[in-house]
Amino acid sequence: MLALSTAALALSLGAPSLSSAVSAARSSQISMASKYTIAPSILSADFARLGEEVENVLKAGADTVHFDVMDNHYVPNLTIGPMVCKALRNYGIEAPIDVHLMVSPVDAIIGEFAAAGASFITFHPEATKHVDRSLSLVRSHGCKSGLVFNPATSLDILKYVIDKVDIVLLMSVNPGFGGQKFIPATLDKLREARKIIDESGYDISLEIDGGVGPANIREIAEAGADNFVAGSAIFNTEDYKATIDKMREELAKVPVPGKEFALYQ
């Protein structure tokens, strides 16, 4: 479904295949997230050495790998597909891979990403005709499921499928490109989403994506987020660890909201 660019197809990650990588990522061991989760978006990484980039950012203190999938149809950009996800697993990346589908339709590619080693799969409700069915499909493949809400998309649909949702991802920019500025109105939407999640009683992570960095991460956490996607704010700096440490320093000033979220299952 998704066409990969010649560069992406030719991408050499430079390490021997590790057959246990996918199974390790889906280990039955439960690792609870008793702290905030930082998820660097590889959209801003150097794709000529992607495996090394992901390895380095995880060593620098990141928790998960955020994987932005765009089809030049649902959003005006074309990025990467399941082959690159599988390549990261073969390289030896065992951290959870958080696949954010900005494609339409979603059902066929859900199975492809699950087979490639995805841990979490989120999609936009506008991108599928049957939201409930698509969420169930994600879980049937052993992945955590999630819904993504654009800046102008209401949260109303969430109440009808919240029992099938593990992650609620709020876009704080319009999807399609990295490096955009955070939309301030998202803070009120975060508070609304946090209230819905807490009242539901379910173990659901509240993720934020777009314009997140050390300067505003504390304010975003105070509004209710517990999972933070950051692309250019991390990958465009010279010292990944220093940047992530600064983010952790700001987050340490805010109590972690909600219930604990299992990164591994």
C-alpha atoms as a PDB file:
ATOM      1  CA  MET A   1       0.000   0.000   0.000  1.00  0.00           C
ATOM      2  CA  LEU A   2       2.682   2.481   1.032  1.00  0.00           C
ATOM      3  CA  ALA A   3       5.327   3.131  -1.558  1.00  0.00           C
ATOM      4  CA  LEU A   4       8.785   3.482  -0.029  1.00  0.00           C
ATOM      5  CA  SER A   5      11.281   5.845  -1.583  1.00  0.00           C
ATOM      6  CA  THR A   6      14.344   4.392  -3.265  1.00  0.00           C
ATOM      7  CA  ALA A   7      16.429   5.690  -0.381  1.00  0.00           C
ATOM      8  CA  ALA A   8      14.275   3.952   2.190  1.00  0.00           C
ATOM      9  CA  LEU A   9      14.273   0.697   0.236  1.00  0.00           C
ATOM     10  CA  ALA A  10      18.029   0.814  -0.069  1.00  0.00           C
ATOM     11  CA  LEU A  11      18.531   1.718   3.565  1.00  0.00           C
ATOM     12  CA  SER A  12      21.305  -0.351   5.074  1.00  0.00           C
ATOM     13  CA  LEU A  13      21.136  -0.542   8.846  1.00  0.00           C
ATOM     14  CA  GLY A  14      24.528  -2.211   9.009  1.00  0.00           C
ATOM     15  CA  ALA A  15      24.098  -5.063  11.497  1.00  0.00           C
ATOM     16  CA  PRO A  16      23.361  -8.795  11.346  1.00  0.00           C
ATOM     17  CA  SER A  17      19.771  -9.962  11.806  1.00  0.00           C
ATOM     18  CA  LEU A  18      18.714 -10.899  15.322  1.00  0.00           C
ATOM     19  CA  SER A  19      15.969 -13.496  15.110  1.00  0.00           C
ATOM     20  CA  SER A  20      14.819 -12.930  18.671  1.00  0.00           C
ATOM     21  CA  ALA A  21      14.190  -9.205  18.342  1.00  0.00           C
ATOM     22  CA  VAL A  22      10.463  -9.288  17.627  1.00  0.00           C
ATOM     23  CA  SER A  23       9.726 -11.948  20.203  1.00  0.00           C
ATOM     24  CA  ALA A  24      11.720 -10.048  22.804  1.00  0.00           C
ATOM     25  CA  ALA A  25       9.707  -6.911  22.102  1.00  0.00           C
ATOM     26  CA  ARG A  26       6.544  -8.875  22.790  1.00  0.00           C
ATOM     27  CA  SER A  27       7.865 -10.697  25.808  1.00  0.00           C
ATOM     28  CA  SER A  28       5.378 -11.783  28.432  1.00  0.00           C
ATOM     29  CA  GLN A  29       7.466  -9.839  30.943  1.00  0.00           C
ATOM     30  CA  ILE A  30       5.575  -6.769  32.143  1.00  0.00           C
ATOM     31  CA  SER A  31       7.560  -3.568  32.528  1.00  0.00           C
ATOM     32  CA  MET A  32       5.348  -0.932  34.078  1.00  0.00           C
ATOM     33  CA  ALA A  33       5.845   2.711  33.179  1.00  0.00           C
ATOM     34  CA  SER A  34       6.017   4.264  36.618  1.00  0.00           C
ATOM     35  CA  LYS A  35       7.487   7.368  34.996  1.00  0.00           C
ATOM     36  CA  TYR A  36       6.736   9.522  32.018  1.00  0.00           C
ATOM     37  CA  THR A  37       7.433   8.075  28.580  1.00  0.00           C
ATOM     38  CA  ILE A  38       9.596   9.894  26.038  1.00  0.00           C
ATOM     39  CA  ALA A  39       9.163   8.723  22.447  1.00  0.00           C
ATOM     40  CA  PRO A  40      11.554  10.221  19.871  1.00  0.00           C
ATOM     41  CA  SER A  41      10.038  10.426  16.403  1.00  0.00           C
ATOM     42  CA  ILE A  42      12.396   8.939  13.837  1.00  0.00           C
ATOM     43  CA  LEU A  43      10.889  11.242  11.204  1.00  0.00           C
ATOM     44  CA  SER A  44      13.619  13.698  12.282  1.00  0.00           C
ATOM     45  CA  ALA A  45      16.444  11.133  12.439  1.00  0.00           C
ATOM     46  CA  ASP A  46      19.253  10.672   9.927  1.00  0.00           C
ATOM     47  CA  PHE A  47      17.901   7.904   7.674  1.00  0.00           C
ATOM     48  CA  ALA A  48      21.317   7.169   6.196  1.00  0.00           C
ATOM     49  CA  ARG A  49      22.179   5.611   9.571  1.00  0.00           C
ATOM     50  CA  LEU A  50      18.778   4.966  11.087  1.00  0.00           C
ATOM     51  CA  GLY A  51      19.662   1.895  13.133  1.00  0.00           C
ATOM     52  CA  GLU A  52      22.521   3.738  14.820  1.00  0.00           C
ATOM     53  CA  GLU A  53      20.355   6.803  15.415  1.00  0.00           C
ATOM     54  CA  VAL A  54      17.617   4.775  17.125  1.00  0.00           C
ATOM     55  CA  GLU A  55      20.156   2.847  19.182  1.00  0.00           C
ATOM     56  CA  ASN A  56      21.816   6.085  20.328  1.00  0.00           C
ATOM     57  CA  VAL A  57      18.592   7.848  21.291  1.00  0.00           C
ATOM     58  CA  LEU A  58      17.478   4.840  23.339  1.00  0.00           C
ATOM     59  CA  LYS A  59      20.839   4.741  25.105  1.00  0.00           C
ATOM     60  CA  ALA A  60      20.365   8.457  25.795  1.00  0.00           C
ATOM     61  CA  GLY A  61      17.265   7.667  27.873  1.00  0.00           C
ATOM     62  CA  ALA A  62      14.315   7.422  25.492  1.00  0.00           C
ATOM     63  CA  ASP A  63      11.652   4.801  26.234  1.00  0.00           C
ATOM     64  CA  THR A  64      10.008   3.996  22.907  1.00  0.00           C
ATOM     65  CA  VAL A  65      10.496   4.591  19.185  1.00  0.00           C
ATOM     66  CA  HIS A  66       7.800   6.699  17.524  1.00  0.00           C
ATOM     67  CA  PHE A  67       7.253   5.656  13.914  1.00  0.00           C
ATOM     68  CA  ASP A  68       5.388   8.150  11.698  1.00  0.00           C
ATOM     69  CA  VAL A  69       3.745   6.507   8.682  1.00  0.00           C
ATOM     70  CA  MET A  70       2.381   8.841   5.990  1.00  0.00           C
ATOM     71  CA  ASP A  71       0.845   7.937   2.634  1.00  0.00           C
ATOM     72  CA  ASN A  72       0.642  11.275   0.731  1.00  0.00           C
ATOM     73  CA  HIS A  73      -3.119  10.711   0.722  1.00  0.00           C
ATOM     74  CA  TYR A  74      -4.443  11.138   4.260  1.00  0.00           C
ATOM     75  CA  VAL A  75      -1.612  13.614   4.904  1.00  0.00           C
ATOM     76  CA  PRO A  76       0.524  15.582   2.389  1.00  0.00           C
ATOM     77  CA  ASN A  77       3.760  13.674   2.887  1.00  0.00           C
ATOM     78  CA  LEU A  78       5.215  10.232   2.109  1.00  0.00           C
ATOM     79  CA  THR A  79       7.449   8.516   4.638  1.00  0.00           C
ATOM     80  CA  ILE A  80       8.129   4.895   5.610  1.00  0.00           C
ATOM     81  CA  GLY A  81       6.423   1.521   5.779  1.00  0.00           C
ATOM     82  CA  PRO A  82       6.673  -1.921   7.404  1.00  0.00           C
ATOM     83  CA  MET A  83      10.025  -2.762   5.750  1.00  0.00           C
ATOM     84  CA  VAL A  84      11.791  -0.106   7.807  1.00  0.00           C
ATOM     85  CA  CYS A  85      10.070  -1.279  10.998  1.00  0.00           C
ATOM     86  CA  LYS A  86      11.260  -4.828  10.306  1.00  0.00           C
ATOM     87  CA  ALA A  87      14.751  -3.540   9.514  1.00  0.00           C
ATOM     88  CA  LEU A  88      14.957  -1.894  12.946  1.00  0.00           C
ATOM     89  CA  ARG A  89      13.932  -5.155  14.595  1.00  0.00           C
ATOM     90  CA  ASN A  90      16.545  -7.042  12.577  1.00  0.00           C
ATOM     91  CA  TYR A  91      19.135  -4.471  13.601  1.00  0.00           C
ATOM     92  CA  GLY A  92      18.421  -5.419  17.199  1.00  0.00           C
ATOM     93  CA  ILE A  93      16.067  -2.715  18.455  1.00  0.00           C
ATOM     94  CA  GLU A  94      14.022  -4.293  21.243  1.00  0.00           C
ATOM     95  CA  ALA A  95      12.321  -1.188  22.645  1.00  0.00           C
ATOM     96  CA  PRO A  96       8.608  -0.755  21.915  1.00  0.00           C
ATOM     97  CA  ILE A  97       7.912   0.645  18.450  1.00  0.00           C
ATOM     98  CA  ASP A  98       4.954   3.029  18.507  1.00  0.00           C
ATOM     99  CA  VAL A  99       3.502   3.088  14.978  1.00  0.00           C
ATOM    100  CA  HIS A 100       1.361   6.140  14.191  1.00  0.00           C
ATOM    101  CA  LEU A 101      -0.603   5.498  10.988  1.00  0.00           C
ATOM    102  CA  MET A 102      -1.407   8.616   8.996  1.00  0.00           C
ATOM    103  CA  VAL A 103      -2.806   6.557   6.131  1.00  0.00           C
ATOM    104  CA  SER A 104      -6.196   5.666   4.718  1.00  0.00           C
ATOM    105  CA  PRO A 105      -7.485   2.992   4.752  1.00  0.00           C
ATOM    106  CA  VAL A 106      -5.752   1.386   7.737  1.00  0.00           C
ATOM    107  CA  ASP A 107      -6.880  -2.239   8.092  1.00  0.00           C
ATOM    108  CA  ALA A 108      -4.571  -3.915   5.566  1.00  0.00           C
ATOM    109  CA  ILE A 109      -1.451  -2.171   6.806  1.00  0.00           C
ATOM    110  CA  ILE A 110      -2.225  -2.919  10.471  1.00  0.00           C
ATOM    111  CA  GLY A 111      -1.403  -6.575   9.910  1.00  0.00           C
ATOM    112  CA  GLU A 112       1.744  -5.720   7.954  1.00  0.00           C
ATOM    113  CA  PHE A 113       3.121  -3.554  10.747  1.00  0.00           C
ATOM    114  CA  ALA A 114       2.214  -6.106  13.412  1.00  0.00           C
ATOM    115  CA  ALA A 115       4.153  -8.748  11.468  1.00  0.00           C
ATOM    116  CA  ALA A 116       7.056  -6.322  11.104  1.00  0.00           C
ATOM    117  CA  GLY A 117       7.388  -5.914  14.872  1.00  0.00           C
ATOM    118  CA  ALA A 118       5.170  -2.998  15.899  1.00  0.00           C
ATOM    119  CA  SER A 119       4.293  -2.846  19.597  1.00  0.00           C
ATOM    120  CA  PHE A 120       1.645  -0.111  19.519  1.00  0.00           C
ATOM    121  CA  ILE A 121      -0.473   0.880  16.507  1.00  0.00           C
ATOM    122  CA  THR A 122      -2.505   4.090  16.510  1.00  0.00           C
ATOM    123  CA  PHE A 123      -4.641   5.542  13.731  1.00  0.00           C
ATOM    124  CA  HIS A 124      -6.985   8.449  13.038  1.00  0.00           C
ATOM    125  CA  PRO A 125     -10.732   7.731  13.303  1.00  0.00           C
ATOM    126  CA  GLU A 126     -11.338   9.629  10.045  1.00  0.00           C
ATOM    127  CA  ALA A 127      -9.046   7.176   8.232  1.00  0.00           C
ATOM    128  CA  THR A 128     -11.224   4.086   8.673  1.00  0.00           C
ATOM    129  CA  LYS A 129     -14.872   3.354   7.999  1.00  0.00           C
ATOM    130  CA  HIS A 130     -15.219   1.135  11.086  1.00  0.00           C
ATOM    131  CA  VAL A 131     -13.269   2.429  14.084  1.00  0.00           C
ATOM    132  CA  ASP A 132     -14.369  -0.331  16.461  1.00  0.00           C
ATOM    133  CA  ARG A 133     -13.381  -3.047  13.979  1.00  0.00           C
ATOM    134  CA  SER A 134      -9.978  -1.493  13.289  1.00  0.00           C
ATOM    135  CA  LEU A 135      -9.183  -1.175  17.008  1.00  0.00           C
ATOM    136  CA  SER A 136     -10.137  -4.813  17.519  1.00  0.00           C
ATOM    137  CA  LEU A 137      -7.942  -5.777  14.564  1.00  0.00           C
ATOM    138  CA  VAL A 138      -4.904  -4.120  16.160  1.00  0.00           C
ATOM    139  CA  ARG A 139      -5.414  -6.032  19.402  1.00  0.00           C
ATOM    140  CA  SER A 140      -6.006  -9.292  17.553  1.00  0.00           C
ATOM    141  CA  HIS A 141      -2.417  -9.040  16.316  1.00  0.00           C
ATOM    142  CA  GLY A 142      -1.099  -8.694  19.865  1.00  0.00           C
ATOM    143  CA  CYS A 143      -0.410  -4.961  19.701  1.00  0.00           C
ATOM    144  CA  LYS A 144      -1.668  -2.143  21.892  1.00  0.00           C
ATOM    145  CA  SER A 145      -4.291  -0.066  20.079  1.00  0.00           C
ATOM    146  CA  GLY A 146      -4.862   3.656  19.979  1.00  0.00           C
ATOM    147  CA  LEU A 147      -6.776   6.537  18.446  1.00  0.00           C
ATOM    148  CA  VAL A 148      -5.217   9.769  17.196  1.00  0.00           C
ATOM    149  CA  PHE A 149      -7.109  13.056  17.302  1.00  0.00           C
ATOM    150  CA  ASN A 150      -6.162  15.954  15.037  1.00  0.00           C
ATOM    151  CA  PRO A 151      -6.300  19.496  16.475  1.00  0.00           C
ATOM    152  CA  ALA A 152      -9.846  20.100  15.154  1.00  0.00           C
ATOM    153  CA  THR A 153     -11.176  16.579  15.814  1.00  0.00           C
ATOM    154  CA  SER A 154     -13.590  16.115  18.713  1.00  0.00           C
ATOM    155  CA  LEU A 155     -12.971  13.497  21.400  1.00  0.00           C
ATOM    156  CA  ASP A 156     -16.650  12.430  21.354  1.00  0.00           C
ATOM    157  CA  ILE A 157     -16.025   9.171  19.500  1.00  0.00           C
ATOM    158  CA  LEU A 158     -13.735   8.007  22.312  1.00  0.00           C
ATOM    159  CA  LYS A 159     -16.571   7.246  24.729  1.00  0.00           C
ATOM    160  CA  TYR A 160     -18.014   4.606  22.392  1.00  0.00           C
ATOM    161  CA  VAL A 161     -14.788   2.597  21.978  1.00  0.00           C
ATOM    162  CA  ILE A 162     -12.778   3.419  25.086  1.00  0.00           C
ATOM    163  CA  ASP A 163     -12.807  -0.229  26.192  1.00  0.00           C
ATOM    164  CA  LYS A 164     -10.728  -1.068  23.094  1.00  0.00           C
ATOM    165  CA  VAL A 165      -8.234   1.790  23.437  1.00  0.00           C
ATOM    166  CA  ASP A 166      -4.817   1.585  25.102  1.00  0.00           C
ATOM    167  CA  ILE A 167      -3.448   4.915  23.878  1.00  0.00           C
ATOM    168  CA  VAL A 168      -5.070   8.271  23.178  1.00  0.00           C
ATOM    169  CA  LEU A 169      -2.773  10.405  21.036  1.00  0.00           C
ATOM    170  CA  LEU A 170      -3.514  14.106  20.647  1.00  0.00           C
ATOM    171  CA  MET A 171      -1.923  15.958  17.763  1.00  0.00           C
ATOM    172  CA  SER A 172      -0.706  19.381  18.864  1.00  0.00           C
ATOM    173  CA  VAL A 173       0.174  20.239  15.259  1.00  0.00           C
ATOM    174  CA  ASN A 174      -1.530  19.411  11.981  1.00  0.00           C
ATOM    175  CA  PRO A 175      -0.142  16.050  10.847  1.00  0.00           C
ATOM    176  CA  GLY A 176       2.183  15.710   7.881  1.00  0.00           C
ATOM    177  CA  PHE A 177       5.456  17.413   8.743  1.00  0.00           C
ATOM    178  CA  GLY A 178       7.896  17.654  11.644  1.00  0.00           C
ATOM    179  CA  GLY A 179       9.221  20.834  13.203  1.00  0.00           C
ATOM    180  CA  GLN A 180       5.885  22.626  13.639  1.00  0.00           C
ATOM    181  CA  LYS A 181       4.949  24.806  16.606  1.00  0.00           C
ATOM    182  CA  PHE A 182       2.765  23.519  19.435  1.00  0.00           C
ATOM    183  CA  ILE A 183      -0.901  24.596  19.181  1.00  0.00           C
ATOM    184  CA  PRO A 184      -1.771  26.081  22.631  1.00  0.00           C
ATOM    185  CA  ALA A 185      -5.455  25.059  22.474  1.00  0.00           C
ATOM    186  CA  THR A 186      -4.277  21.450  22.794  1.00  0.00           C
ATOM    187  CA  LEU A 187      -3.717  22.019  26.514  1.00  0.00           C
ATOM    188  CA  ASP A 188      -7.460  22.294  27.160  1.00  0.00           C
ATOM    189  CA  LYS A 189      -8.044  19.245  24.995  1.00  0.00           C
ATOM    190  CA  LEU A 190      -5.466  17.334  27.046  1.00  0.00           C
ATOM    191  CA  ARG A 191      -7.343  18.212  30.242  1.00  0.00           C
ATOM    192  CA  GLU A 192     -10.570  16.994  28.647  1.00  0.00           C
ATOM    193  CA  ALA A 193      -8.949  13.749  27.518  1.00  0.00           C
ATOM    194  CA  ARG A 194      -7.355  13.166  30.932  1.00  0.00           C
ATOM    195  CA  LYS A 195     -10.747  13.552  32.601  1.00  0.00           C
ATOM    196  CA  ILE A 196     -12.326  11.030  30.203  1.00  0.00           C
ATOM    197  CA  ILE A 197      -9.498   8.540  30.761  1.00  0.00           C
ATOM    198  CA  ASP A 198      -9.489   8.849  34.548  1.00  0.00           C
ATOM    199  CA  GLU A 199     -13.263   8.492  34.771  1.00  0.00           C
ATOM    200  CA  SER A 200     -13.182   5.403  32.523  1.00  0.00           C
ATOM    201  CA  GLY A 201     -11.051   3.399  34.949  1.00  0.00           C
ATOM    202  CA  TYR A 202      -9.063   1.865  32.065  1.00  0.00           C
ATOM    203  CA  ASP A 203      -5.270   1.769  31.813  1.00  0.00           C
ATOM    204  CA  ILE A 204      -4.840   4.226  28.949  1.00  0.00           C
ATOM    205  CA  SER A 205      -1.790   6.307  28.089  1.00  0.00           C
ATOM    206  CA  LEU A 206      -2.347   9.934  27.033  1.00  0.00           C
ATOM    207  CA  GLU A 207       0.194  10.776  24.355  1.00  0.00           C
ATOM    208  CA  ILE A 208       1.017  14.143  22.789  1.00  0.00           C
ATOM    209  CA  ASP A 209       2.694  14.719  19.421  1.00  0.00           C
ATOM    210  CA  GLY A 210       3.829  17.986  17.875  1.00  0.00           C
ATOM    211  CA  GLY A 211       6.004  20.872  19.010  1.00  0.00           C
ATOM    212  CA  VAL A 212       7.044  19.195  22.272  1.00  0.00           C
ATOM    213  CA  GLY A 213      10.405  20.127  23.802  1.00  0.00           C
ATOM    214  CA  PRO A 214      12.175  20.959  27.056  1.00  0.00           C
ATOM    215  CA  ALA A 215      10.670  24.466  27.139  1.00  0.00           C
ATOM    216  CA  ASN A 216       7.019  23.353  27.227  1.00  0.00           C
ATOM    217  CA  ILE A 217       7.007  19.713  28.339  1.00  0.00           C
ATOM    218  CA  ARG A 218       6.246  20.583  31.963  1.00  0.00           C
ATOM    219  CA  GLU A 219       3.159  22.608  31.018  1.00  0.00           C
ATOM    220  CA  ILE A 220       1.985  19.763  28.776  1.00  0.00           C
ATOM    221  CA  ALA A 221       2.440  17.245  31.592  1.00  0.00           C
ATOM    222  CA  GLU A 222       0.492  19.477  33.964  1.00  0.00           C
ATOM    223  CA  ALA A 223      -2.402  19.336  31.465  1.00  0.00           C
ATOM    224  CA  GLY A 224      -2.469  15.536  31.731  1.00  0.00           C
ATOM    225  CA  ALA A 225      -0.098  13.957  29.191  1.00  0.00           C
ATOM    226  CA  ASP A 226       2.114  11.056  30.265  1.00  0.00           C
ATOM    227  CA  ASN A 227       3.668  10.087  26.910  1.00  0.00           C
ATOM    228  CA  PHE A 228       5.632  12.638  24.858  1.00  0.00           C
ATOM    229  CA  VAL A 229       6.592  12.396  21.195  1.00  0.00           C
ATOM    230  CA  ALA A 230       9.507  14.648  20.273  1.00  0.00           C
ATOM    231  CA  GLY A 231      11.268  14.603  16.928  1.00  0.00           C
ATOM    232  CA  SER A 232      13.294  17.643  15.934  1.00  0.00           C
ATOM    233  CA  ALA A 233      13.507  18.743  19.585  1.00  0.00           C
ATOM    234  CA  ILE A 234      15.748  15.710  20.186  1.00  0.00           C
ATOM    235  CA  PHE A 235      17.267  14.693  16.846  1.00  0.00           C
ATOM    236  CA  ASN A 236      18.196  18.263  15.860  1.00  0.00           C
ATOM    237  CA  THR A 237      20.388  18.647  18.939  1.00  0.00           C
ATOM    238  CA  GLU A 238      24.037  17.636  19.273  1.00  0.00           C
ATOM    239  CA  ASP A 239      23.600  15.785  22.576  1.00  0.00           C
ATOM    240  CA  TYR A 240      20.517  13.529  22.742  1.00  0.00           C
ATOM    241  CA  LYS A 241      21.156  12.613  26.369  1.00  0.00           C
ATOM    242  CA  ALA A 242      21.447  16.218  27.510  1.00  0.00           C
ATOM    243  CA  THR A 243      18.160  17.049  25.785  1.00  0.00           C
ATOM    244  CA  ILE A 244      16.299  14.052  27.205  1.00  0.00           C
ATOM    245  CA  ASP A 245      17.774  14.699  30.653  1.00  0.00           C
ATOM    246  CA  LYS A 246      16.462  18.270  30.479  1.00  0.00           C
ATOM    247  CA  MET A 247      13.011  16.951  29.562  1.00  0.00           C
ATOM    248  CA  ARG A 248      13.146  14.504  32.489  1.00  0.00           C
ATOM    249  CA  GLU A 249      14.217  17.327  34.788  1.00  0.00           C
ATOM    250  CA  GLU A 250      11.136  19.329  33.833  1.00  0.00           C
ATOM    251  CA  LEU A 251       8.853  16.293  34.112  1.00  0.00           C
ATOM    252  CA  ALA A 252      10.173  15.521  37.586  1.00  0.00           C
ATOM    253  CA  LYS A 253       8.395  18.661  38.782  1.00  0.00           C
ATOM    254  CA  VAL A 254       4.973  17.187  37.889  1.00  0.00           C
ATOM    255  CA  PRO A 255       3.376  14.040  39.422  1.00  0.00           C
ATOM    256  CA  VAL A 256       2.723  11.308  36.840  1.00  0.00           C
ATOM    257  CA  PRO A 257      -1.052  11.291  36.132  1.00  0.00           C
ATOM    258  CA  GLY A 258      -3.351   8.324  35.687  1.00  0.00           C
ATOM    259  CA  LYS A 259      -2.615   4.625  36.045  1.00  0.00           C
ATOM    260  CA  GLU A 260       0.584   2.806  35.167  1.00  0.00           C
ATOM    261  CA  PHE A 261       0.907   1.838  31.523  1.00  0.00           C
ATOM    262  CA  ALA A 262       2.654  -1.384  30.487  1.00  0.00           C
ATOM    263  CA  LEU A 263       5.283  -0.675  27.834  1.00  0.00           C
ATOM    264  CA  TYR A 264       5.823  -4.412  27.281  1.00  0.00           C
ATOM    265  CA  GLN A 265       3.222  -7.163  27.190  1.00  0.00           C
END
